[in-house]
Amino acid sequence: MNSDDTIVAISTLIGEAGIGIVRLSGPDAISIASKIFQPKSKKLVKDFPTFKINLGKVTDNNNFIDEVLLMTMRAPKSYTCEDVVEISCHGGIVPLKKTLELCVKNGARLADPGEFTKRAFLNGRIDLSQAEAVCDIIKAKTDLALSCAVSQLNGSLTKIINKQKNVITDILALIEVTIDYTEEEIPNIDKIEMIKKINGVDKELKKILSTFQTGKIFKEGVRTAIIGKPNVGKSSLLNALIGQDKAIVTEVPGTTRDVIEETINIFGIPLILMDTAGIRKHSYDVVEKIGIEKTREEIQNADLVLFVLDSSNELSAEDFHIAELLNLKKVILVLNKSDLPKKLDEISSLKLHATLMPVSAKENEGIEKLKKAIYELFIEGKVNTSEFFLTNMRHKILIENSIGSLENTKLSFENGVSEEFIALDLKAALNFLGEITGEVPTEEILNRIFSNFCVGK
């Protein structure tokens, strides 16, 4: 990335809409805009006040392209801390693309994914964890996911990390002082006090880690496979959970051949539902066999399995075969067709540690109780949205690495290892925490993070 370039991108979804925005950022943003924009006020674009919206036309050699609104944001008072121009066009595909092409024609470069936010980070407006939070806000599927992302954008993680870094830095400063002294001048270091401080940091970092599983669920959701033998009502259950007829339902066993995926919100948690092909122990249909293999893959990848049984029929060999595939998985046994006379018994013979939930997908009975059971399986107690939740795997790994370095430091203190080695472990702990906020970024890490962004953000 060359920060001397002026970049441009369409920052809104491309399609038919009320408006669409073309965004420029860089040293030539205002001059490029002045070449394609004719203001109604007859003022020059370079004289527009920051944050004031101006009406005018986008033109190409006096050919009228679109009537637009243009706003300038001068450095450093912009998203990127650079000169930024936003052109609000009519939301059709053609006017947006024509405006984009004109910007490129007059010297702008098409932005890479996430390059605007990357510039905001490199120019010091936000740290790396806050930049990642921007992406999380865009991708948030529920209020809880949004709350976690906004908290991180507001610097909640940064404050926690910096507080612990300050403690480690103080310890490191004392250790490095002893390295610089001669043997006769070495000041006394209270090792017990040092270990006590390290234990305090260790405790706080582990407290952050303890929120990760819940935070990950808020952000990514619960991947849920709906499985069972053919014709037990899996597709009916999917339709009941999402509240619409998404999957085809017939009396013919094996109607579902491929995996159907839908996402719903249950009490703030994204539930990613996969309606799968019914599993038979023996199938001779080639297409059905492919569907069954995909079902097995979904079971392996699922956070939760809804194992659907037909409560109006006795257990079959297929039910026992499916139960064998669910070892070590979180399972809810959904006893479907509860509106019919019950014939299902000896459920314990399946040898599954699972919650039992009777429902009638056809009559929409027991569905809300099932949703509540799913929520309670993953979230304990009431969620306090003011609390911090760790949601990012990169951050989790770095905190774990930092804790590992602190554990090495404690062992070194206890075993009388020289101060030089203790200092190395403390520096490693600091560097791992510094990577979270981007104090020690590498181009590889930055490219990996910002490649997940959409173009224009």
Protein backbone atom coordinates (compact mmCIF):
# COMPACT_ATOMS: atom_id res chain seq x y z
CA MET A 1 0.00 0.00 0.00
CA ASN A 2 1.31 3.45 -0.95
CA SER A 3 -0.06 6.13 1.39
CA ASP A 4 0.87 8.79 -1.19
CA ASP A 5 -1.84 7.41 -3.48
CA THR A 6 -5.34 8.78 -3.47
CA ILE A 7 -7.76 5.87 -3.29
CA VAL A 8 -11.39 5.57 -4.33
CA ALA A 9 -14.16 3.02 -3.89
CA ILE A 10 -17.92 2.65 -3.84
CA SER A 11 -18.67 2.51 -0.11
CA THR A 12 -22.27 1.31 -0.32
CA LEU A 13 -23.84 -1.84 -1.71
CA ILE A 14 -24.08 -1.77 -5.48
CA GLY A 15 -27.65 -2.09 -6.67
CA GLU A 16 -30.86 -0.13 -7.03
CA ALA A 17 -31.21 2.12 -3.97
CA GLY A 18 -31.99 5.67 -2.90
CA ILE A 19 -28.35 6.72 -2.73
CA GLY A 20 -24.87 5.31 -3.19
CA ILE A 21 -21.59 6.79 -1.99
CA VAL A 22 -18.25 7.07 -3.78
CA ARG A 23 -15.43 7.78 -1.32
CA LEU A 24 -12.03 9.33 -2.05
CA SER A 25 -9.14 9.51 0.44
CA GLY A 26 -5.62 10.84 0.03
CA PRO A 27 -3.61 13.95 -0.80
CA ASP A 28 -5.34 14.53 -4.17
CA ALA A 29 -8.90 13.72 -3.08
CA ILE A 30 -10.11 17.33 -3.24
CA SER A 31 -8.36 18.16 -6.52
CA ILE A 32 -9.74 15.00 -8.20
CA ALA A 33 -13.24 15.84 -6.97
CA SER A 34 -12.93 19.37 -8.36
CA LYS A 35 -12.26 17.94 -11.84
CA ILE A 36 -15.52 15.98 -12.00
CA PHE A 37 -17.89 18.06 -9.82
CA GLN A 38 -19.71 21.23 -10.89
CA PRO A 39 -21.17 22.89 -7.78
CA LYS A 40 -24.48 24.69 -8.06
CA SER A 41 -23.12 27.47 -5.82
CA LYS A 42 -20.27 28.19 -8.28
CA LYS A 43 -17.78 27.95 -5.40
CA LEU A 44 -14.57 26.02 -5.97
CA VAL A 45 -14.39 22.59 -4.33
CA LYS A 46 -11.09 23.54 -2.67
CA ASP A 47 -12.92 26.35 -0.86
CA PHE A 48 -15.72 24.16 0.52
CA PRO A 49 -15.79 24.15 4.34
CA THR A 50 -15.15 20.80 6.04
CA PHE A 51 -18.29 18.75 6.75
CA LYS A 52 -20.57 21.00 4.67
CA ILE A 53 -22.73 19.27 2.05
CA ASN A 54 -22.80 20.82 -1.41
CA LEU A 55 -25.25 20.24 -4.27
CA GLY A 56 -23.95 19.89 -7.80
CA LYS A 57 -23.39 17.67 -10.82
CA VAL A 58 -20.88 15.01 -11.75
CA THR A 59 -19.75 15.66 -15.32
CA ASP A 60 -17.43 14.09 -17.86
CA ASN A 61 -16.16 16.77 -20.28
CA ASN A 62 -19.38 18.73 -19.65
CA ASN A 63 -21.50 15.61 -20.20
CA PHE A 64 -23.97 15.44 -17.30
CA ILE A 65 -23.66 12.11 -15.40
CA ASP A 66 -25.66 12.61 -12.19
CA GLU A 67 -26.92 15.20 -9.73
CA VAL A 68 -25.09 14.57 -6.46
CA LEU A 69 -24.23 15.83 -3.00
CA LEU A 70 -20.54 16.26 -2.17
CA MET A 71 -18.90 16.63 1.23
CA THR A 72 -15.24 17.33 1.99
CA MET A 73 -13.49 16.26 5.20
CA ARG A 74 -10.02 17.73 5.53
CA ALA A 75 -7.16 16.00 7.31
CA PRO A 76 -6.93 15.15 10.13
CA LYS A 77 -10.68 15.47 10.78
CA SER A 78 -11.76 12.46 8.74
CA TYR A 79 -12.12 8.69 9.01
CA THR A 80 -8.64 8.10 7.57
CA CYS A 81 -6.99 11.27 8.99
CA GLU A 82 -6.42 12.21 5.32
CA ASP A 83 -8.35 14.51 3.00
CA VAL A 84 -11.60 12.66 2.27
CA VAL A 85 -14.37 13.43 -0.21
CA GLU A 86 -17.69 11.60 -0.25
CA ILE A 87 -19.96 11.89 -3.29
CA SER A 88 -23.57 10.82 -2.71
CA CYS A 89 -24.99 9.72 -6.05
CA HIS A 90 -28.35 8.24 -6.96
CA GLY A 91 -28.12 4.58 -6.01
CA GLY A 92 -28.25 3.01 -9.45
CA ILE A 93 -25.40 0.85 -10.68
CA VAL A 94 -24.55 3.02 -13.72
CA PRO A 95 -24.17 6.46 -12.06
CA LEU A 96 -22.06 4.98 -9.26
CA LYS A 97 -19.73 3.14 -11.63
CA LYS A 98 -19.44 6.13 -13.96
CA THR A 99 -18.49 8.37 -11.02
CA LEU A 100 -15.96 5.79 -9.84
CA GLU A 101 -14.43 5.53 -13.32
CA LEU A 102 -14.12 9.32 -13.55
CA CYS A 103 -12.23 9.42 -10.25
CA VAL A 104 -9.80 6.78 -11.51
CA LYS A 105 -9.46 8.56 -14.85
CA ASN A 106 -8.43 11.72 -12.98
CA GLY A 107 -5.73 10.10 -10.85
CA ALA A 108 -7.27 7.99 -8.11
CA ARG A 109 -6.42 4.33 -7.53
CA LEU A 110 -9.06 1.70 -6.75
CA ALA A 111 -8.88 0.93 -3.03
CA ASP A 112 -7.97 -2.49 -1.71
CA PRO A 113 -10.40 -4.25 0.68
CA GLY A 114 -10.35 -2.43 4.03
CA GLU A 115 -7.82 0.14 2.85
CA PHE A 116 -9.70 3.13 4.27
CA THR A 117 -9.71 1.55 7.74
CA LYS A 118 -6.10 0.42 7.28
CA ARG A 119 -5.13 4.04 6.67
CA ALA A 120 -7.07 5.09 9.78
CA PHE A 121 -4.93 2.61 11.73
CA LEU A 122 -1.61 3.54 10.11
CA ASN A 123 -2.35 7.24 10.66
CA GLY A 124 -2.99 6.62 14.36
CA ARG A 125 -6.72 7.37 14.58
CA ILE A 126 -7.54 3.87 15.82
CA ASP A 127 -5.50 0.90 17.00
CA LEU A 128 -5.57 -2.53 15.38
CA SER A 129 -8.17 -4.03 17.72
CA GLN A 130 -10.46 -1.08 17.00
CA ALA A 131 -9.92 -1.54 13.26
CA GLU A 132 -10.99 -5.17 13.61
CA ALA A 133 -14.06 -3.99 15.51
CA VAL A 134 -15.13 -1.94 12.48
CA CYS A 135 -15.31 -5.17 10.45
CA ASP A 136 -17.24 -6.85 13.28
CA ILE A 137 -19.79 -4.01 13.34
CA ILE A 138 -20.40 -4.42 9.62
CA LYS A 139 -20.85 -8.19 9.97
CA ALA A 140 -22.87 -8.17 13.22
CA LYS A 141 -26.02 -10.29 12.92
CA THR A 142 -27.59 -9.50 16.32
CA ASP A 143 -27.77 -6.72 18.91
CA LEU A 144 -25.39 -8.62 21.20
CA ALA A 145 -22.82 -9.03 18.41
CA LEU A 146 -23.11 -5.31 17.66
CA SER A 147 -22.76 -4.44 21.35
CA CYS A 148 -19.50 -6.45 21.61
CA ALA A 149 -18.09 -4.83 18.47
CA VAL A 150 -19.03 -1.28 19.51
CA SER A 151 -17.48 -1.86 22.94
CA GLN A 152 -14.21 -2.90 21.27
CA LEU A 153 -14.35 0.07 18.88
CA ASN A 154 -14.75 2.36 21.90
CA GLY A 155 -11.45 1.02 23.23
CA SER A 156 -12.64 -1.33 25.99
CA LEU A 157 -10.12 -4.04 25.05
CA THR A 158 -7.36 -1.47 24.52
CA LYS A 159 -7.86 -0.08 28.04
CA ILE A 160 -7.74 -3.54 29.61
CA ILE A 161 -4.62 -4.55 27.67
CA ASN A 162 -2.79 -1.26 28.29
CA LYS A 163 -3.46 -1.47 32.03
CA GLN A 164 -1.80 -4.90 32.23
CA LYS A 165 1.04 -3.79 29.96
CA ASN A 166 1.80 -0.92 32.34
CA VAL A 167 2.19 -3.36 35.24
CA ILE A 168 4.51 -5.61 33.19
CA THR A 169 6.50 -2.56 32.03
CA ASP A 170 7.02 -1.45 35.65
CA ILE A 171 8.32 -4.91 36.58
CA LEU A 172 10.58 -4.98 33.52
CA ALA A 173 12.00 -1.55 34.39
CA LEU A 174 13.03 -2.79 37.85
CA ILE A 175 14.61 -5.92 36.37
CA GLU A 176 16.57 -3.97 33.75
CA VAL A 177 17.92 -1.60 36.40
CA THR A 178 19.58 -4.56 38.14
CA ILE A 179 21.19 -5.65 34.86
CA ASP A 180 22.87 -2.23 34.52
CA TYR A 181 24.31 -2.21 38.05
CA THR A 182 27.57 -3.80 39.21
CA GLU A 183 27.36 -6.66 41.71
CA GLU A 184 28.12 -4.32 44.62
CA GLU A 185 25.47 -1.79 43.55
CA ILE A 186 22.56 -4.14 42.77
CA PRO A 187 19.45 -2.88 44.58
CA ASN A 188 17.32 -5.36 46.45
CA ILE A 189 14.39 -6.74 44.47
CA ASP A 190 11.46 -8.14 46.39
CA LYS A 191 10.90 -11.32 44.35
CA ILE A 192 7.76 -12.19 46.32
CA GLU A 193 6.30 -8.78 45.43
CA MET A 194 7.30 -9.25 41.76
CA ILE A 195 5.59 -12.65 41.59
CA LYS A 196 2.53 -11.18 43.30
CA LYS A 197 2.28 -8.49 40.60
CA ILE A 198 2.76 -11.06 37.83
CA ASN A 199 0.02 -13.21 39.37
CA GLY A 200 -2.25 -10.16 39.30
CA VAL A 201 -1.67 -9.66 35.57
CA ASP A 202 -2.06 -13.39 34.97
CA LYS A 203 -5.41 -13.34 36.79
CA GLU A 204 -6.72 -10.37 34.79
CA LEU A 205 -5.66 -11.88 31.45
CA LYS A 206 -7.29 -15.20 32.33
CA LYS A 207 -10.44 -13.30 33.29
CA ILE A 208 -10.52 -11.86 29.76
CA LEU A 209 -9.97 -15.33 28.28
CA SER A 210 -12.89 -16.73 30.28
CA THR A 211 -15.28 -14.54 28.27
CA PHE A 212 -14.15 -15.88 24.89
CA GLN A 213 -16.52 -18.82 24.44
CA THR A 214 -19.55 -16.61 25.11
CA GLY A 215 -18.11 -13.76 23.02
CA LYS A 216 -17.40 -16.11 20.11
CA ILE A 217 -21.02 -17.29 20.21
CA PHE A 218 -22.29 -13.69 20.18
CA LYS A 219 -20.10 -12.88 17.18
CA GLU A 220 -20.14 -16.06 15.09
CA GLY A 221 -23.28 -17.81 16.33
CA VAL A 222 -24.03 -21.46 16.96
CA ARG A 223 -23.68 -23.73 13.93
CA THR A 224 -26.55 -26.17 14.31
CA ALA A 225 -27.11 -29.34 12.28
CA ILE A 226 -30.65 -30.71 12.11
CA ILE A 227 -30.23 -34.45 11.60
CA GLY A 228 -32.22 -37.64 11.71
CA LYS A 229 -33.39 -40.47 9.51
CA PRO A 230 -35.63 -39.70 6.50
CA ASN A 231 -39.18 -38.45 7.08
CA VAL A 232 -38.94 -37.58 10.79
CA GLY A 233 -39.74 -33.90 10.14
CA LYS A 234 -36.34 -32.23 9.88
CA SER A 235 -37.42 -29.82 7.15
CA SER A 236 -40.66 -29.08 9.01
CA LEU A 237 -38.58 -28.26 12.09
CA LEU A 238 -36.38 -25.88 10.06
CA ASN A 239 -39.48 -24.14 8.70
CA ALA A 240 -40.97 -23.86 12.20
CA LEU A 241 -37.76 -22.40 13.66
CA ILE A 242 -37.31 -19.76 10.95
CA GLY A 243 -41.04 -19.01 10.72
CA GLN A 244 -41.43 -19.59 6.97
CA ASP A 245 -41.61 -22.42 4.45
CA LYS A 246 -37.99 -22.47 3.29
CA ALA A 247 -37.53 -26.23 2.93
CA ILE A 248 -39.74 -28.49 0.81
CA VAL A 249 -41.85 -30.81 2.96
CA THR A 250 -43.41 -33.99 1.51
CA GLU A 251 -44.45 -37.42 2.73
CA VAL A 252 -41.77 -38.93 0.49
CA PRO A 253 -38.68 -40.00 2.49
CA GLY A 254 -35.40 -38.49 1.26
CA THR A 255 -36.85 -35.26 -0.20
CA THR A 256 -33.93 -33.20 1.15
CA ARG A 257 -30.80 -34.08 -0.84
CA ASP A 258 -28.58 -31.08 -0.08
CA VAL A 259 -27.86 -28.96 2.99
CA ILE A 260 -30.19 -25.96 3.39
CA GLU A 261 -28.72 -23.17 5.54
CA GLU A 262 -30.64 -20.40 7.33
CA THR A 263 -29.69 -18.02 10.15
CA ILE A 264 -32.09 -16.84 12.86
CA ASN A 265 -31.71 -14.73 15.98
CA ILE A 266 -32.58 -16.40 19.28
CA PHE A 267 -32.35 -14.03 22.25
CA GLY A 268 -29.36 -12.26 20.70
CA ILE A 269 -27.49 -15.34 19.46
CA PRO A 270 -27.14 -16.06 15.72
CA LEU A 271 -28.30 -19.64 15.18
CA ILE A 272 -27.00 -21.00 11.88
CA LEU A 273 -29.36 -23.85 11.00
CA MET A 274 -28.50 -26.62 8.54
CA ASP A 275 -31.33 -28.85 7.37
CA THR A 276 -29.56 -32.01 6.23
CA ALA A 277 -30.34 -35.10 4.19
CA GLY A 278 -31.87 -37.96 6.16
CA ILE A 279 -29.33 -40.60 7.16
CA ARG A 280 -29.99 -44.20 6.18
CA LYS A 281 -27.62 -46.96 7.16
CA HIS A 282 -27.71 -48.26 3.59
CA SER A 283 -28.57 -46.13 0.55
CA TYR A 284 -28.28 -47.18 -3.09
CA ASP A 285 -29.23 -43.81 -4.60
CA VAL A 286 -26.07 -41.98 -5.77
CA VAL A 287 -27.46 -38.47 -5.15
CA GLU A 288 -28.84 -39.45 -1.75
CA LYS A 289 -25.48 -40.96 -0.76
CA ILE A 290 -23.75 -37.65 -1.57
CA GLY A 291 -26.32 -35.83 0.58
CA ILE A 292 -25.73 -38.24 3.47
CA GLU A 293 -21.97 -37.67 3.22
CA LYS A 294 -22.56 -33.91 3.44
CA THR A 295 -24.69 -34.53 6.52
CA ARG A 296 -21.80 -36.36 8.17
CA GLU A 297 -19.54 -33.38 7.42
CA GLU A 298 -22.06 -30.97 8.96
CA ILE A 299 -22.18 -33.09 12.11
CA GLN A 300 -18.40 -32.79 12.44
CA ASN A 301 -18.49 -29.00 11.94
CA ALA A 302 -21.54 -28.33 14.12
CA ASP A 303 -21.49 -26.68 17.56
CA LEU A 304 -24.90 -28.23 18.26
CA VAL A 305 -26.87 -31.13 16.83
CA LEU A 306 -30.67 -31.24 16.85
CA PHE A 307 -31.28 -34.99 16.57
CA VAL A 308 -34.87 -35.34 15.37
CA LEU A 309 -36.81 -38.47 16.31
CA ASP A 310 -40.34 -39.41 15.29
CA SER A 311 -42.15 -39.84 18.62
CA SER A 312 -45.05 -41.58 16.85
CA ASN A 313 -42.77 -44.48 15.89
CA GLU A 314 -40.41 -46.77 17.77
CA LEU A 315 -36.63 -46.41 17.55
CA SER A 316 -35.07 -47.99 14.47
CA ALA A 317 -31.62 -49.24 13.47
CA GLU A 318 -31.04 -45.90 11.68
CA ASP A 319 -31.65 -43.98 14.94
CA PHE A 320 -29.00 -46.05 16.74
CA HIS A 321 -26.62 -45.66 13.80
CA ILE A 322 -27.02 -41.85 13.92
CA ALA A 323 -26.53 -41.79 17.70
CA GLU A 324 -23.13 -43.44 17.21
CA LEU A 325 -22.06 -40.45 15.06
CA LEU A 326 -22.75 -37.94 17.83
CA ASN A 327 -20.01 -38.79 20.28
CA LEU A 328 -18.67 -35.71 22.12
CA LYS A 329 -21.22 -33.39 20.48
CA LYS A 330 -23.72 -31.11 22.21
CA VAL A 331 -27.05 -32.71 21.38
CA ILE A 332 -30.72 -31.89 21.87
CA LEU A 333 -33.07 -34.79 21.18
CA VAL A 334 -36.06 -33.27 19.41
CA LEU A 335 -39.04 -35.60 19.82
CA ASN A 336 -41.12 -34.48 16.85
CA LYS A 337 -44.77 -35.23 16.01
CA SER A 338 -45.84 -34.82 19.65
CA ASP A 339 -49.37 -34.15 18.35
CA LEU A 340 -49.64 -37.85 17.36
CA PRO A 341 -50.00 -40.86 19.69
CA LYS A 342 -46.63 -41.59 21.28
CA LYS A 343 -44.90 -44.90 20.50
CA LEU A 344 -41.31 -43.85 21.18
CA ASP A 345 -39.75 -45.25 24.34
CA GLU A 346 -36.40 -46.55 25.62
CA ILE A 347 -34.69 -43.31 24.55
CA SER A 348 -32.00 -43.97 27.14
CA SER A 349 -30.86 -46.92 25.03
CA LEU A 350 -29.39 -44.39 22.54
CA LYS A 351 -26.79 -43.64 25.26
CA LEU A 352 -26.73 -39.90 24.59
CA HIS A 353 -26.32 -37.22 27.25
CA ALA A 354 -28.88 -34.91 25.72
CA THR A 355 -31.77 -32.60 26.58
CA LEU A 356 -35.17 -33.99 25.53
CA MET A 357 -37.54 -31.56 23.80
CA PRO A 358 -40.99 -32.72 22.62
CA VAL A 359 -42.28 -30.59 19.73
CA SER A 360 -44.79 -30.64 16.92
CA ALA A 361 -43.14 -28.86 14.02
CA LYS A 362 -46.34 -29.19 11.99
CA GLU A 363 -48.50 -27.54 14.69
CA ASN A 364 -45.71 -25.16 15.81
CA GLU A 365 -45.88 -26.50 19.37
CA GLY A 366 -42.83 -26.48 21.66
CA ILE A 367 -40.73 -24.39 19.26
CA GLU A 368 -40.22 -21.46 21.66
CA LYS A 369 -39.24 -23.86 24.44
CA LEU A 370 -36.73 -25.45 22.07
CA LYS A 371 -35.20 -22.04 21.28
CA LYS A 372 -34.89 -21.30 24.99
CA ALA A 373 -33.24 -24.69 25.59
CA ILE A 374 -30.69 -23.95 22.85
CA TYR A 375 -29.89 -20.56 24.39
CA GLU A 376 -29.49 -21.99 27.90
CA LEU A 377 -27.21 -24.74 26.61
CA PHE A 378 -24.65 -22.13 25.57
CA ILE A 379 -25.29 -19.08 27.77
CA GLU A 380 -25.40 -19.33 31.55
CA GLY A 381 -27.54 -16.77 33.37
CA LYS A 382 -28.47 -13.28 32.26
CA VAL A 383 -26.07 -11.48 29.93
CA ASN A 384 -24.78 -8.11 31.16
CA THR A 385 -24.19 -6.15 27.96
CA SER A 386 -22.02 -3.63 29.84
CA GLU A 387 -19.41 -6.35 30.46
CA PHE A 388 -16.52 -6.94 28.07
CA PHE A 389 -16.51 -10.10 25.94
CA LEU A 390 -13.50 -11.30 23.98
CA THR A 391 -14.65 -12.27 20.47
CA ASN A 392 -11.53 -12.46 18.31
CA MET A 393 -9.48 -15.66 17.97
CA ARG A 394 -6.32 -13.67 17.15
CA HIS A 395 -6.63 -11.79 20.42
CA LYS A 396 -7.28 -15.02 22.34
CA ILE A 397 -4.11 -16.67 21.01
CA LEU A 398 -1.98 -13.60 21.78
CA ILE A 399 -3.31 -13.37 25.34
CA GLU A 400 -2.61 -17.09 25.84
CA ASN A 401 0.94 -16.55 24.55
CA SER A 402 1.42 -13.63 26.92
CA ILE A 403 0.20 -15.73 29.85
CA GLY A 404 2.70 -18.43 28.83
CA SER A 405 5.55 -15.91 28.93
CA LEU A 406 4.43 -14.70 32.36
CA GLU A 407 4.38 -18.30 33.61
CA ASN A 408 7.98 -18.66 32.39
CA THR A 409 8.86 -15.45 34.23
CA LYS A 410 7.47 -16.78 37.51
CA LEU A 411 9.40 -20.03 37.12
CA SER A 412 12.58 -18.07 36.44
CA PHE A 413 12.08 -16.02 39.60
CA GLU A 414 11.43 -19.14 41.67
CA ASN A 415 14.45 -21.00 40.24
CA GLY A 416 16.89 -18.10 40.56
CA VAL A 417 17.42 -17.64 36.80
CA SER A 418 19.44 -14.55 35.84
CA GLU A 419 17.70 -11.21 35.29
CA GLU A 420 18.61 -11.18 31.57
CA PHE A 421 16.40 -14.23 30.91
CA ILE A 422 13.61 -12.88 33.11
CA ALA A 423 13.69 -9.65 31.09
CA LEU A 424 13.38 -11.60 27.83
CA ASP A 425 10.21 -13.36 29.02
CA LEU A 426 8.70 -10.08 30.23
CA LYS A 427 9.45 -8.44 26.87
CA ALA A 428 7.82 -11.39 25.09
CA ALA A 429 4.70 -10.99 27.25
CA LEU A 430 4.60 -7.28 26.37
CA ASN A 431 5.09 -7.92 22.65
CA PHE A 432 2.23 -10.42 22.51
CA LEU A 433 -0.11 -7.90 24.12
CA GLY A 434 1.26 -5.17 21.85
CA GLU A 435 0.31 -7.22 18.79
CA ILE A 436 -3.34 -7.01 19.84
CA THR A 437 -3.39 -3.24 19.49
CA GLY A 438 -0.93 -3.20 16.59
CA GLU A 439 2.14 -1.74 18.26
CA VAL A 440 4.32 -4.30 16.52
CA PRO A 441 2.45 -4.95 13.26
CA THR A 442 3.82 -6.87 10.30
CA GLU A 443 2.63 -6.42 6.74
CA GLU A 444 1.51 -10.07 6.69
CA ILE A 445 -0.71 -9.60 9.76
CA LEU A 446 -2.18 -6.35 8.44
CA ASN A 447 -2.92 -7.85 5.02
CA ARG A 448 -4.62 -10.85 6.61
CA ILE A 449 -6.80 -8.67 8.84
CA PHE A 450 -7.84 -6.06 6.29
CA SER A 451 -8.47 -8.58 3.50
CA ASN A 452 -11.60 -9.57 5.46
CA PHE A 453 -13.08 -6.11 4.95
CA CYS A 454 -15.33 -5.07 2.10
CA VAL A 455 -13.97 -2.69 -0.52
CA GLY A 456 -14.89 0.87 0.43
CA LYS A 457 -14.45 0.52 4.19
